[in-house]
Amino acid sequence: YHNVGAGSLKRWIQQYLTGGLANLERPVHNRRYPKKLKLRAVGDYQNHRLPNKEILLKYDIRGLSQLRDWVILYNNGKEPVRKRVRKMGRKVSYDEKIEIVKWVLKHNHD
């Protein structure tokens, strides 16, 4: 239905169940979590103190994959801290993309 994959649908349902309609909106910026929160959430996850859904609710974590990434880092002897993300280039409009492709096709004779 609407060509939506099963994985996406499951993730959307989980987001809806944990945070309502507001949790389905794409955030403008990535959410940042304090190191102490990450460590407490990892501890609850590893010690099975709470079901996964409750951990997500308790610590206001958007998705289970985020929590699992922190657990993997922690289990590999690394602290679950924020990764540095490469800065993206400027946004290119649709019209600019067309012009760029035309220019490349015109000048690329390989």
PDB file of N, CA and C in Angstrom:
ATOM      1  N   TYR A   1       0.844  -1.175   0.000  1.00  0.00           N
ATOM      2  CA  TYR A   1       0.000   0.000   0.000  1.00  0.00           C
ATOM      3  C   TYR A   1       0.886   1.233   0.000  1.00  0.00           C
ATOM      4  N   HIS A   2       0.762   2.084  -0.978  1.00  0.00           N
ATOM      5  CA  HIS A   2       1.570   3.301  -1.128  1.00  0.00           C
ATOM      6  C   HIS A   2       3.057   2.996  -1.271  1.00  0.00           C
ATOM      7  N   ASN A   3       3.422   1.774  -1.613  1.00  0.00           N
ATOM      8  CA  ASN A   3       4.819   1.371  -1.799  1.00  0.00           C
ATOM      9  C   ASN A   3       5.698   1.699  -0.597  1.00  0.00           C
ATOM     10  N   VAL A   4       5.197   1.450   0.584  1.00  0.00           N
ATOM     11  CA  VAL A   4       5.955   1.660   1.821  1.00  0.00           C
ATOM     12  C   VAL A   4       6.471   0.312   2.288  1.00  0.00           C
ATOM     13  N   GLY A   5       7.781   0.241   2.570  1.00  0.00           N
ATOM     14  CA  GLY A   5       8.375  -1.003   3.037  1.00  0.00           C
ATOM     15  C   GLY A   5       7.910  -1.373   4.430  1.00  0.00           C
ATOM     16  N   ALA A   6       7.939  -2.664   4.714  1.00  0.00           N
ATOM     17  CA  ALA A   6       7.487  -3.160   6.019  1.00  0.00           C
ATOM     18  C   ALA A   6       8.317  -2.583   7.156  1.00  0.00           C
ATOM     19  N   GLY A   7       9.632  -2.439   6.932  1.00  0.00           N
ATOM     20  CA  GLY A   7      10.504  -1.890   7.977  1.00  0.00           C
ATOM     21  C   GLY A   7      10.146  -0.461   8.328  1.00  0.00           C
ATOM     22  N   SER A   8       9.883   0.343   7.307  1.00  0.00           N
ATOM     23  CA  SER A   8       9.491   1.738   7.543  1.00  0.00           C
ATOM     24  C   SER A   8       8.170   1.802   8.292  1.00  0.00           C
ATOM     25  N   LEU A   9       7.232   0.980   7.873  1.00  0.00           N
ATOM     26  CA  LEU A   9       5.928   0.979   8.514  1.00  0.00           C
ATOM     27  C   LEU A   9       6.036   0.603   9.991  1.00  0.00           C
ATOM     28  N   LYS A  10       6.828  -0.422  10.291  1.00  0.00           N
ATOM     29  CA  LYS A  10       7.021  -0.831  11.689  1.00  0.00           C
ATOM     30  C   LYS A  10       7.641   0.304  12.501  1.00  0.00           C
ATOM     31  N   ARG A  11       8.640   0.983  11.908  1.00  0.00           N
ATOM     32  CA  ARG A  11       9.312   2.081  12.607  1.00  0.00           C
ATOM     33  C   ARG A  11       8.327   3.224  12.872  1.00  0.00           C
ATOM     34  N   TRP A  12       7.491   3.549  11.892  1.00  0.00           N
ATOM     35  CA  TRP A  12       6.520   4.627  12.063  1.00  0.00           C
ATOM     36  C   TRP A  12       5.503   4.280  13.150  1.00  0.00           C
ATOM     37  N   ILE A  13       5.063   3.027  13.166  1.00  0.00           N
ATOM     38  CA  ILE A  13       4.108   2.599  14.198  1.00  0.00           C
ATOM     39  C   ILE A  13       4.744   2.712  15.567  1.00  0.00           C
ATOM     40  N   GLN A  14       6.003   2.268  15.681  1.00  0.00           N
ATOM     41  CA  GLN A  14       6.709   2.350  16.962  1.00  0.00           C
ATOM     42  C   GLN A  14       6.861   3.803  17.397  1.00  0.00           C
ATOM     43  N   GLN A  15       7.212   4.686  16.465  1.00  0.00           N
ATOM     44  CA  GLN A  15       7.365   6.098  16.793  1.00  0.00           C
ATOM     45  C   GLN A  15       6.027   6.687  17.242  1.00  0.00           C
ATOM     46  N   TYR A  16       4.964   6.299  16.573  1.00  0.00           N
ATOM     47  CA  TYR A  16       3.639   6.790  16.940  1.00  0.00           C
ATOM     48  C   TYR A  16       3.255   6.298  18.337  1.00  0.00           C
ATOM     49  N   LEU A  17       3.507   5.021  18.610  1.00  0.00           N
ATOM     50  CA  LEU A  17       3.137   4.453  19.905  1.00  0.00           C
ATOM     51  C   LEU A  17       3.946   5.053  21.043  1.00  0.00           C
ATOM     52  N   THR A  18       5.198   5.416  20.776  1.00  0.00           N
ATOM     53  CA  THR A  18       6.033   5.961  21.849  1.00  0.00           C
ATOM     54  C   THR A  18       5.882   7.467  22.028  1.00  0.00           C
ATOM     55  N   GLY A  19       5.489   8.194  20.973  1.00  0.00           N
ATOM     56  CA  GLY A  19       5.431   9.640  21.121  1.00  0.00           C
ATOM     57  C   GLY A  19       4.271  10.325  20.439  1.00  0.00           C
ATOM     58  N   GLY A  20       3.307   9.579  19.940  1.00  0.00           N
ATOM     59  CA  GLY A  20       2.153  10.187  19.298  1.00  0.00           C
ATOM     60  C   GLY A  20       2.476  10.746  17.925  1.00  0.00           C
ATOM     61  N   LEU A  21       1.564  11.550  17.406  1.00  0.00           N
ATOM     62  CA  LEU A  21       1.722  12.112  16.070  1.00  0.00           C
ATOM     63  C   LEU A  21       2.968  12.986  15.956  1.00  0.00           C
ATOM     64  N   ALA A  22       3.291  13.692  17.025  1.00  0.00           N
ATOM     65  CA  ALA A  22       4.466  14.579  16.987  1.00  0.00           C
ATOM     66  C   ALA A  22       5.743  13.800  16.722  1.00  0.00           C
ATOM     67  N   ASN A  23       5.780  12.545  17.114  1.00  0.00           N
ATOM     68  CA  ASN A  23       6.976  11.728  16.929  1.00  0.00           C
ATOM     69  C   ASN A  23       7.137  11.257  15.484  1.00  0.00           C
ATOM     70  N   LEU A  24       6.119  11.448  14.664  1.00  0.00           N
ATOM     71  CA  LEU A  24       6.215  11.070  13.255  1.00  0.00           C
ATOM     72  C   LEU A  24       6.800  12.191  12.400  1.00  0.00           C
ATOM     73  N   GLU A  25       6.812  13.413  12.935  1.00  0.00           N
ATOM     74  CA  GLU A  25       7.370  14.526  12.181  1.00  0.00           C
ATOM     75  C   GLU A  25       8.882  14.389  12.110  1.00  0.00           C
ATOM     76  N   ARG A  26       9.419  14.727  10.948  1.00  0.00           N
ATOM     77  CA  ARG A  26      10.874  14.683  10.777  1.00  0.00           C
ATOM     78  C   ARG A  26      11.466  15.881  11.510  1.00  0.00           C
ATOM     79  N   PRO A  27      12.407  15.631  12.434  1.00  0.00           N
ATOM     80  CA  PRO A  27      12.982  16.758  13.170  1.00  0.00           C
ATOM     81  C   PRO A  27      13.824  17.646  12.254  1.00  0.00           C
ATOM     82  N   VAL A  28      13.849  18.929  12.571  1.00  0.00           N
ATOM     83  CA  VAL A  28      14.650  19.871  11.797  1.00  0.00           C
ATOM     84  C   VAL A  28      16.138  19.610  12.041  1.00  0.00           C
ATOM     85  N   HIS A  29      16.466  19.302  13.280  1.00  0.00           N
ATOM     86  CA  HIS A  29      17.846  19.016  13.656  1.00  0.00           C
ATOM     87  C   HIS A  29      17.892  17.678  14.378  1.00  0.00           C
ATOM     88  N   ASN A  30      19.031  17.022  14.319  1.00  0.00           N
ATOM     89  CA  ASN A  30      19.193  15.788  15.080  1.00  0.00           C
ATOM     90  C   ASN A  30      19.126  16.104  16.560  1.00  0.00           C
ATOM     91  N   ARG A  31      18.504  15.217  17.289  1.00  0.00           N
ATOM     92  CA  ARG A  31      18.390  15.391  18.734  1.00  0.00           C
ATOM     93  C   ARG A  31      19.719  15.024  19.379  1.00  0.00           C
ATOM     94  N   ARG A  32      20.121  15.794  20.355  1.00  0.00           N
ATOM     95  CA  ARG A  32      21.357  15.503  21.084  1.00  0.00           C
ATOM     96  C   ARG A  32      20.992  14.985  22.466  1.00  0.00           C
ATOM     97  N   TYR A  33      21.681  13.924  22.861  1.00  0.00           N
ATOM     98  CA  TYR A  33      21.427  13.311  24.150  1.00  0.00           C
ATOM     99  C   TYR A  33      22.668  13.467  25.025  1.00  0.00           C
ATOM    100  N   PRO A  34      22.489  13.854  26.288  1.00  0.00           N
ATOM    101  CA  PRO A  34      23.654  13.957  27.191  1.00  0.00           C
ATOM    102  C   PRO A  34      24.275  12.581  27.423  1.00  0.00           C
ATOM    103  N   LYS A  35      25.581  12.590  27.660  1.00  0.00           N
ATOM    104  CA  LYS A  35      26.330  11.354  27.872  1.00  0.00           C
ATOM    105  C   LYS A  35      25.746  10.540  29.039  1.00  0.00           C
ATOM    106  N   LYS A  36      25.365  11.211  30.128  1.00  0.00           N
ATOM    107  CA  LYS A  36      24.818  10.504  31.288  1.00  0.00           C
ATOM    108  C   LYS A  36      23.520   9.774  30.936  1.00  0.00           C
ATOM    109  N   LEU A  37      22.684  10.408  30.131  1.00  0.00           N
ATOM    110  CA  LEU A  37      21.441   9.774  29.711  1.00  0.00           C
ATOM    111  C   LEU A  37      21.738   8.526  28.890  1.00  0.00           C
ATOM    112  N   LYS A  38      22.693   8.636  27.987  1.00  0.00           N
ATOM    113  CA  LYS A  38      23.056   7.488  27.148  1.00  0.00           C
ATOM    114  C   LYS A  38      23.526   6.319  28.005  1.00  0.00           C
ATOM    115  N   LEU A  39      24.376   6.616  28.971  1.00  0.00           N
ATOM    116  CA  LEU A  39      24.911   5.554  29.828  1.00  0.00           C
ATOM    117  C   LEU A  39      23.818   4.908  30.672  1.00  0.00           C
ATOM    118  N   ARG A  40      22.879   5.716  31.199  1.00  0.00           N
ATOM    119  CA  ARG A  40      21.776   5.146  31.987  1.00  0.00           C
ATOM    120  C   ARG A  40      20.876   4.282  31.097  1.00  0.00           C
ATOM    121  N   ALA A  41      20.599   4.760  29.880  1.00  0.00           N
ATOM    122  CA  ALA A  41      19.755   3.990  28.964  1.00  0.00           C
ATOM    123  C   ALA A  41      20.425   2.677  28.587  1.00  0.00           C
ATOM    124  N   VAL A  42      21.729   2.721  28.311  1.00  0.00           N
ATOM    125  CA  VAL A  42      22.479   1.496  27.986  1.00  0.00           C
ATOM    126  C   VAL A  42      22.436   0.536  29.164  1.00  0.00           C
ATOM    127  N   GLY A  43      22.595   1.063  30.370  1.00  0.00           N
ATOM    128  CA  GLY A  43      22.537   0.217  31.569  1.00  0.00           C
ATOM    129  C   GLY A  43      21.189  -0.468  31.721  1.00  0.00           C
ATOM    130  N   ASP A  44      20.112   0.297  31.530  1.00  0.00           N
ATOM    131  CA  ASP A  44      18.770  -0.292  31.612  1.00  0.00           C
ATOM    132  C   ASP A  44      18.574  -1.358  30.539  1.00  0.00           C
ATOM    133  N   TYR A  45      19.099  -1.109  29.355  1.00  0.00           N
ATOM    134  CA  TYR A  45      18.966  -2.054  28.246  1.00  0.00           C
ATOM    135  C   TYR A  45      19.729  -3.347  28.549  1.00  0.00           C
ATOM    136  N   GLN A  46      20.981  -3.206  28.990  1.00  0.00           N
ATOM    137  CA  GLN A  46      21.822  -4.383  29.216  1.00  0.00           C
ATOM    138  C   GLN A  46      21.368  -5.211  30.412  1.00  0.00           C
ATOM    139  N   ASN A  47      20.845  -4.550  31.427  1.00  0.00           N
ATOM    140  CA  ASN A  47      20.423  -5.265  32.626  1.00  0.00           C
ATOM    141  C   ASN A  47      18.955  -5.678  32.575  1.00  0.00           C
ATOM    142  N   HIS A  48      18.309  -5.458  31.442  1.00  0.00           N
ATOM    143  CA  HIS A  48      16.912  -5.839  31.228  1.00  0.00           C
ATOM    144  C   HIS A  48      16.001  -5.299  32.332  1.00  0.00           C
ATOM    145  N   ARG A  49      16.319  -4.085  32.799  1.00  0.00           N
ATOM    146  CA  ARG A  49      15.503  -3.495  33.863  1.00  0.00           C
ATOM    147  C   ARG A  49      14.121  -3.107  33.359  1.00  0.00           C
ATOM    148  N   LEU A  50      14.072  -2.721  32.073  1.00  0.00           N
ATOM    149  CA  LEU A  50      12.816  -2.273  31.482  1.00  0.00           C
ATOM    150  C   LEU A  50      12.669  -2.851  30.082  1.00  0.00           C
ATOM    151  N   PRO A  51      11.428  -3.021  29.622  1.00  0.00           N
ATOM    152  CA  PRO A  51      11.241  -3.387  28.211  1.00  0.00           C
ATOM    153  C   PRO A  51      11.742  -2.249  27.308  1.00  0.00           C
ATOM    154  N   ASN A  52      12.112  -2.598  26.096  1.00  0.00           N
ATOM    155  CA  ASN A  52      12.668  -1.604  25.171  1.00  0.00           C
ATOM    156  C   ASN A  52      11.772  -0.378  24.999  1.00  0.00           C
ATOM    157  N   LYS A  53      10.469  -0.592  24.835  1.00  0.00           N
ATOM    158  CA  LYS A  53       9.541   0.526  24.657  1.00  0.00           C
ATOM    159  C   LYS A  53       9.592   1.481  25.843  1.00  0.00           C
ATOM    160  N   GLU A  54       9.688   0.922  27.043  1.00  0.00           N
ATOM    161  CA  GLU A  54       9.725   1.764  28.240  1.00  0.00           C
ATOM    162  C   GLU A  54      11.027   2.550  28.334  1.00  0.00           C
ATOM    163  N   ILE A  55      12.136   1.954  27.893  1.00  0.00           N
ATOM    164  CA  ILE A  55      13.417   2.681  27.876  1.00  0.00           C
ATOM    165  C   ILE A  55      13.316   3.868  26.931  1.00  0.00           C
ATOM    166  N   LEU A  56      12.734   3.642  25.756  1.00  0.00           N
ATOM    167  CA  LEU A  56      12.575   4.737  24.793  1.00  0.00           C
ATOM    168  C   LEU A  56      11.714   5.850  25.386  1.00  0.00           C
ATOM    169  N   LEU A  57      10.636   5.488  26.068  1.00  0.00           N
ATOM    170  CA  LEU A  57       9.777   6.493  26.694  1.00  0.00           C
ATOM    171  C   LEU A  57      10.476   7.202  27.847  1.00  0.00           C
ATOM    172  N   LYS A  58      11.126   6.425  28.711  1.00  0.00           N
ATOM    173  CA  LYS A  58      11.757   6.982  29.902  1.00  0.00           C
ATOM    174  C   LYS A  58      12.820   8.026  29.551  1.00  0.00           C
ATOM    175  N   TYR A  59      13.606   7.741  28.523  1.00  0.00           N
ATOM    176  CA  TYR A  59      14.714   8.630  28.168  1.00  0.00           C
ATOM    177  C   TYR A  59      14.416   9.500  26.942  1.00  0.00           C
ATOM    178  N   ASP A  60      13.174   9.408  26.450  1.00  0.00           N
ATOM    179  CA  ASP A  60      12.736  10.195  25.282  1.00  0.00           C
ATOM    180  C   ASP A  60      13.671   9.987  24.095  1.00  0.00           C
ATOM    181  N   ILE A  61      13.939   8.710  23.792  1.00  0.00           N
ATOM    182  CA  ILE A  61      14.801   8.331  22.668  1.00  0.00           C
ATOM    183  C   ILE A  61      13.887   8.061  21.485  1.00  0.00           C
ATOM    184  N   ARG A  62      14.236   8.612  20.340  1.00  0.00           N
ATOM    185  CA  ARG A  62      13.350   8.543  19.172  1.00  0.00           C
ATOM    186  C   ARG A  62      13.181   7.124  18.621  1.00  0.00           C
ATOM    187  N   GLY A  63      14.252   6.325  18.614  1.00  0.00           N
ATOM    188  CA  GLY A  63      14.127   4.998  18.034  1.00  0.00           C
ATOM    189  C   GLY A  63      15.041   3.980  18.687  1.00  0.00           C
ATOM    190  N   LEU A  64      14.657   2.729  18.573  1.00  0.00           N
ATOM    191  CA  LEU A  64      15.422   1.639  19.170  1.00  0.00           C
ATOM    192  C   LEU A  64      16.800   1.507  18.524  1.00  0.00           C
ATOM    193  N   SER A  65      16.918   1.841  17.240  1.00  0.00           N
ATOM    194  CA  SER A  65      18.217   1.728  16.573  1.00  0.00           C
ATOM    195  C   SER A  65      19.239   2.666  17.212  1.00  0.00           C
ATOM    196  N   GLN A  66      18.780   3.838  17.673  1.00  0.00           N
ATOM    197  CA  GLN A  66      19.680   4.773  18.348  1.00  0.00           C
ATOM    198  C   GLN A  66      20.235   4.149  19.619  1.00  0.00           C
ATOM    199  N   LEU A  67      19.372   3.560  20.408  1.00  0.00           N
ATOM    200  CA  LEU A  67      19.783   2.901  21.643  1.00  0.00           C
ATOM    201  C   LEU A  67      20.739   1.746  21.352  1.00  0.00           C
ATOM    202  N   ARG A  68      20.427   0.952  20.346  1.00  0.00           N
ATOM    203  CA  ARG A  68      21.292  -0.188  20.002  1.00  0.00           C
ATOM    204  C   ARG A  68      22.675   0.279  19.545  1.00  0.00           C
ATOM    205  N   ASP A  69      22.733   1.398  18.822  1.00  0.00           N
ATOM    206  CA  ASP A  69      24.040   1.950  18.431  1.00  0.00           C
ATOM    207  C   ASP A  69      24.873   2.300  19.656  1.00  0.00           C
ATOM    208  N   TRP A  70      24.239   2.890  20.674  1.00  0.00           N
ATOM    209  CA  TRP A  70      24.960   3.235  21.900  1.00  0.00           C
ATOM    210  C   TRP A  70      25.450   1.979  22.606  1.00  0.00           C
ATOM    211  N   VAL A  71      24.629   0.929  22.629  1.00  0.00           N
ATOM    212  CA  VAL A  71      25.012  -0.331  23.273  1.00  0.00           C
ATOM    213  C   VAL A  71      26.218  -0.938  22.560  1.00  0.00           C
ATOM    214  N   ILE A  72      26.210  -0.928  21.227  1.00  0.00           N
ATOM    215  CA  ILE A  72      27.332  -1.474  20.451  1.00  0.00           C
ATOM    216  C   ILE A  72      28.608  -0.703  20.762  1.00  0.00           C
ATOM    217  N   LEU A  73      28.530   0.621  20.779  1.00  0.00           N
ATOM    218  CA  LEU A  73      29.711   1.428  21.112  1.00  0.00           C
ATOM    219  C   LEU A  73      30.214   1.085  22.509  1.00  0.00           C
ATOM    220  N   TYR A  74      29.304   1.024  23.470  1.00  0.00           N
ATOM    221  CA  TYR A  74      29.665   0.733  24.849  1.00  0.00           C
ATOM    222  C   TYR A  74      30.308  -0.646  24.974  1.00  0.00           C
ATOM    223  N   ASN A  75      29.730  -1.636  24.281  1.00  0.00           N
ATOM    224  CA  ASN A  75      30.273  -2.996  24.335  1.00  0.00           C
ATOM    225  C   ASN A  75      31.633  -3.112  23.661  1.00  0.00           C
ATOM    226  N   ASN A  76      31.935  -2.204  22.753  1.00  0.00           N
ATOM    227  CA  ASN A  76      33.249  -2.193  22.092  1.00  0.00           C
ATOM    228  C   ASN A  76      34.246  -1.316  22.828  1.00  0.00           C
ATOM    229  N   GLY A  77      33.924  -0.950  24.067  1.00  0.00           N
ATOM    230  CA  GLY A  77      34.849  -0.178  24.889  1.00  0.00           C
ATOM    231  C   GLY A  77      34.899   1.299  24.557  1.00  0.00           C
ATOM    232  N   LYS A  78      33.922   1.775  23.809  1.00  0.00           N
ATOM    233  CA  LYS A  78      33.886   3.192  23.450  1.00  0.00           C
ATOM    234  C   LYS A  78      32.711   3.839  24.161  1.00  0.00           C
ATOM    235  N   GLU A  79      32.870   5.115  24.459  1.00  0.00           N
ATOM    236  CA  GLU A  79      31.766   5.830  25.085  1.00  0.00           C
ATOM    237  C   GLU A  79      30.750   6.220  24.022  1.00  0.00           C
ATOM    238  N   PRO A  80      29.478   6.107  24.350  1.00  0.00           N
ATOM    239  CA  PRO A  80      28.450   6.480  23.373  1.00  0.00           C
ATOM    240  C   PRO A  80      28.306   7.998  23.291  1.00  0.00           C
ATOM    241  N   VAL A  81      29.223   8.619  22.593  1.00  0.00           N
ATOM    242  CA  VAL A  81      29.197  10.079  22.453  1.00  0.00           C
ATOM    243  C   VAL A  81      28.792  10.455  21.043  1.00  0.00           C
ATOM    244  N   ARG A  82      28.500  11.730  20.860  1.00  0.00           N
ATOM    245  CA  ARG A  82      28.040  12.232  19.565  1.00  0.00           C
ATOM    246  C   ARG A  82      29.133  12.092  18.527  1.00  0.00           C
ATOM    247  N   LYS A  83      28.751  11.591  17.356  1.00  0.00           N
ATOM    248  CA  LYS A  83      29.691  11.469  16.248  1.00  0.00           C
ATOM    249  C   LYS A  83      29.818  12.807  15.553  1.00  0.00           C
ATOM    250  N   ARG A  84      30.992  13.082  15.050  1.00  0.00           N
ATOM    251  CA  ARG A  84      31.166  14.276  14.233  1.00  0.00           C
ATOM    252  C   ARG A  84      30.675  13.951  12.835  1.00  0.00           C
ATOM    253  N   VAL A  85      29.842  14.801  12.332  1.00  0.00           N
ATOM    254  CA  VAL A  85      29.259  14.590  11.019  1.00  0.00           C
ATOM    255  C   VAL A  85      29.865  15.587  10.046  1.00  0.00           C
ATOM    256  N   ARG A  86      30.241  15.082   8.888  1.00  0.00           N
ATOM    257  CA  ARG A  86      30.807  15.929   7.847  1.00  0.00           C
ATOM    258  C   ARG A  86      29.774  16.955   7.431  1.00  0.00           C
ATOM    259  N   LYS A  87      30.239  18.193   7.245  1.00  0.00           N
ATOM    260  CA  LYS A  87      29.331  19.241   6.801  1.00  0.00           C
ATOM    261  C   LYS A  87      28.909  18.977   5.363  1.00  0.00           C
ATOM    262  N   MET A  88      27.657  19.209   5.102  1.00  0.00           N
ATOM    263  CA  MET A  88      27.113  19.001   3.770  1.00  0.00           C
ATOM    264  C   MET A  88      27.327  20.274   2.952  1.00  0.00           C
ATOM    265  N   GLY A  89      27.406  20.096   1.654  1.00  0.00           N
ATOM    266  CA  GLY A  89      27.498  21.247   0.768  1.00  0.00           C
ATOM    267  C   GLY A  89      26.173  21.980   0.725  1.00  0.00           C
ATOM    268  N   ARG A  90      26.130  23.043  -0.015  1.00  0.00           N
ATOM    269  CA  ARG A  90      24.892  23.814  -0.092  1.00  0.00           C
ATOM    270  C   ARG A  90      23.825  23.036  -0.848  1.00  0.00           C
ATOM    271  N   LYS A  91      22.584  23.378  -0.624  1.00  0.00           N
ATOM    272  CA  LYS A  91      21.479  22.750  -1.330  1.00  0.00           C
ATOM    273  C   LYS A  91      21.498  23.219  -2.780  1.00  0.00           C
ATOM    274  N   VAL A  92      21.229  22.299  -3.688  1.00  0.00           N
ATOM    275  CA  VAL A  92      21.211  22.614  -5.112  1.00  0.00           C
ATOM    276  C   VAL A  92      19.774  22.447  -5.590  1.00  0.00           C
ATOM    277  N   SER A  93      19.264  23.463  -6.263  1.00  0.00           N
ATOM    278  CA  SER A  93      17.883  23.410  -6.727  1.00  0.00           C
ATOM    279  C   SER A  93      17.757  22.425  -7.891  1.00  0.00           C
ATOM    280  N   TYR A  94      16.533  22.058  -8.172  1.00  0.00           N
ATOM    281  CA  TYR A  94      16.245  21.146  -9.277  1.00  0.00           C
ATOM    282  C   TYR A  94      16.748  21.726 -10.591  1.00  0.00           C
ATOM    283  N   ASP A  95      16.477  23.018 -10.816  1.00  0.00           N
ATOM    284  CA  ASP A  95      16.920  23.668 -12.060  1.00  0.00           C
ATOM    285  C   ASP A  95      18.448  23.683 -12.171  1.00  0.00           C
ATOM    286  N   GLU A  96      19.123  23.928 -11.043  1.00  0.00           N
ATOM    287  CA  GLU A  96      20.591  23.912 -11.054  1.00  0.00           C
ATOM    288  C   GLU A  96      21.111  22.524 -11.403  1.00  0.00           C
ATOM    289  N   LYS A  97      20.468  21.506 -10.866  1.00  0.00           N
ATOM    290  CA  LYS A  97      20.892  20.129 -11.162  1.00  0.00           C
ATOM    291  C   LYS A  97      20.780  19.841 -12.652  1.00  0.00           C
ATOM    292  N   ILE A  98      19.689  20.274 -13.246  1.00  0.00           N
ATOM    293  CA  ILE A  98      19.500  20.067 -14.689  1.00  0.00           C
ATOM    294  C   ILE A  98      20.608  20.762 -15.467  1.00  0.00           C
ATOM    295  N   GLU A  99      20.905  22.009 -15.110  1.00  0.00           N
ATOM    296  CA  GLU A  99      21.958  22.760 -15.794  1.00  0.00           C
ATOM    297  C   GLU A  99      23.316  22.081 -15.630  1.00  0.00           C
ATOM    298  N   ILE A 100      23.607  21.578 -14.454  1.00  0.00           N
ATOM    299  CA  ILE A 100      24.877  20.904 -14.196  1.00  0.00           C
ATOM    300  C   ILE A 100      24.989  19.643 -15.039  1.00  0.00           C
ATOM    301  N   VAL A 101      23.923  18.853 -15.088  1.00  0.00           N
ATOM    302  CA  VAL A 101      23.933  17.621 -15.883  1.00  0.00           C
ATOM    303  C   VAL A 101      24.117  17.938 -17.360  1.00  0.00           C
ATOM    304  N   LYS A 102      23.422  18.948 -17.851  1.00  0.00           N
ATOM    305  CA  LYS A 102      23.570  19.342 -19.251  1.00  0.00           C
ATOM    306  C   LYS A 102      25.004  19.752 -19.552  1.00  0.00           C
ATOM    307  N   TRP A 103      25.588  20.543 -18.647  1.00  0.00           N
ATOM    308  CA  TRP A 103      26.965  21.013 -18.843  1.00  0.00           C
ATOM    309  C   TRP A 103      27.929  19.830 -18.871  1.00  0.00           C
ATOM    310  N   VAL A 104      27.773  18.886 -17.933  1.00  0.00           N
ATOM    311  CA  VAL A 104      28.666  17.724 -17.869  1.00  0.00           C
ATOM    312  C   VAL A 104      28.530  16.881 -19.134  1.00  0.00           C
ATOM    313  N   LEU A 105      27.296  16.658 -19.573  1.00  0.00           N
ATOM    314  CA  LEU A 105      27.084  15.859 -20.788  1.00  0.00           C
ATOM    315  C   LEU A 105      27.675  16.544 -22.033  1.00  0.00           C
ATOM    316  N   LYS A 106      27.584  17.853 -22.062  1.00  0.00           N
ATOM    317  CA  LYS A 106      28.105  18.601 -23.201  1.00  0.00           C
ATOM    318  C   LYS A 106      29.623  18.604 -23.229  1.00  0.00           C
ATOM    319  N   HIS A 107      30.264  18.650 -22.045  1.00  0.00           N
ATOM    320  CA  HIS A 107      31.724  18.777 -21.970  1.00  0.00           C
ATOM    321  C   HIS A 107      32.453  17.469 -21.711  1.00  0.00           C
ATOM    322  N   ASN A 108      31.728  16.417 -21.482  1.00  0.00           N
ATOM    323  CA  ASN A 108      32.350  15.119 -21.189  1.00  0.00           C
ATOM    324  C   ASN A 108      32.276  14.256 -22.458  1.00  0.00           C
ATOM    325  N   HIS A 109      33.394  14.124 -23.130  1.00  0.00           N
ATOM    326  CA  HIS A 109      33.414  13.363 -24.400  1.00  0.00           C
ATOM    327  C   HIS A 109      34.136  12.032 -24.240  1.00  0.00           C
ATOM    328  N   ASP A 110      34.176  11.483 -23.024  1.00  0.00           N
ATOM    329  CA  ASP A 110      34.914  10.224 -22.785  1.00  0.00           C
ATOM    330  C   ASP A 110      34.135   9.023 -23.201  1.00  0.00           C
TER     331      ASP A 110
END
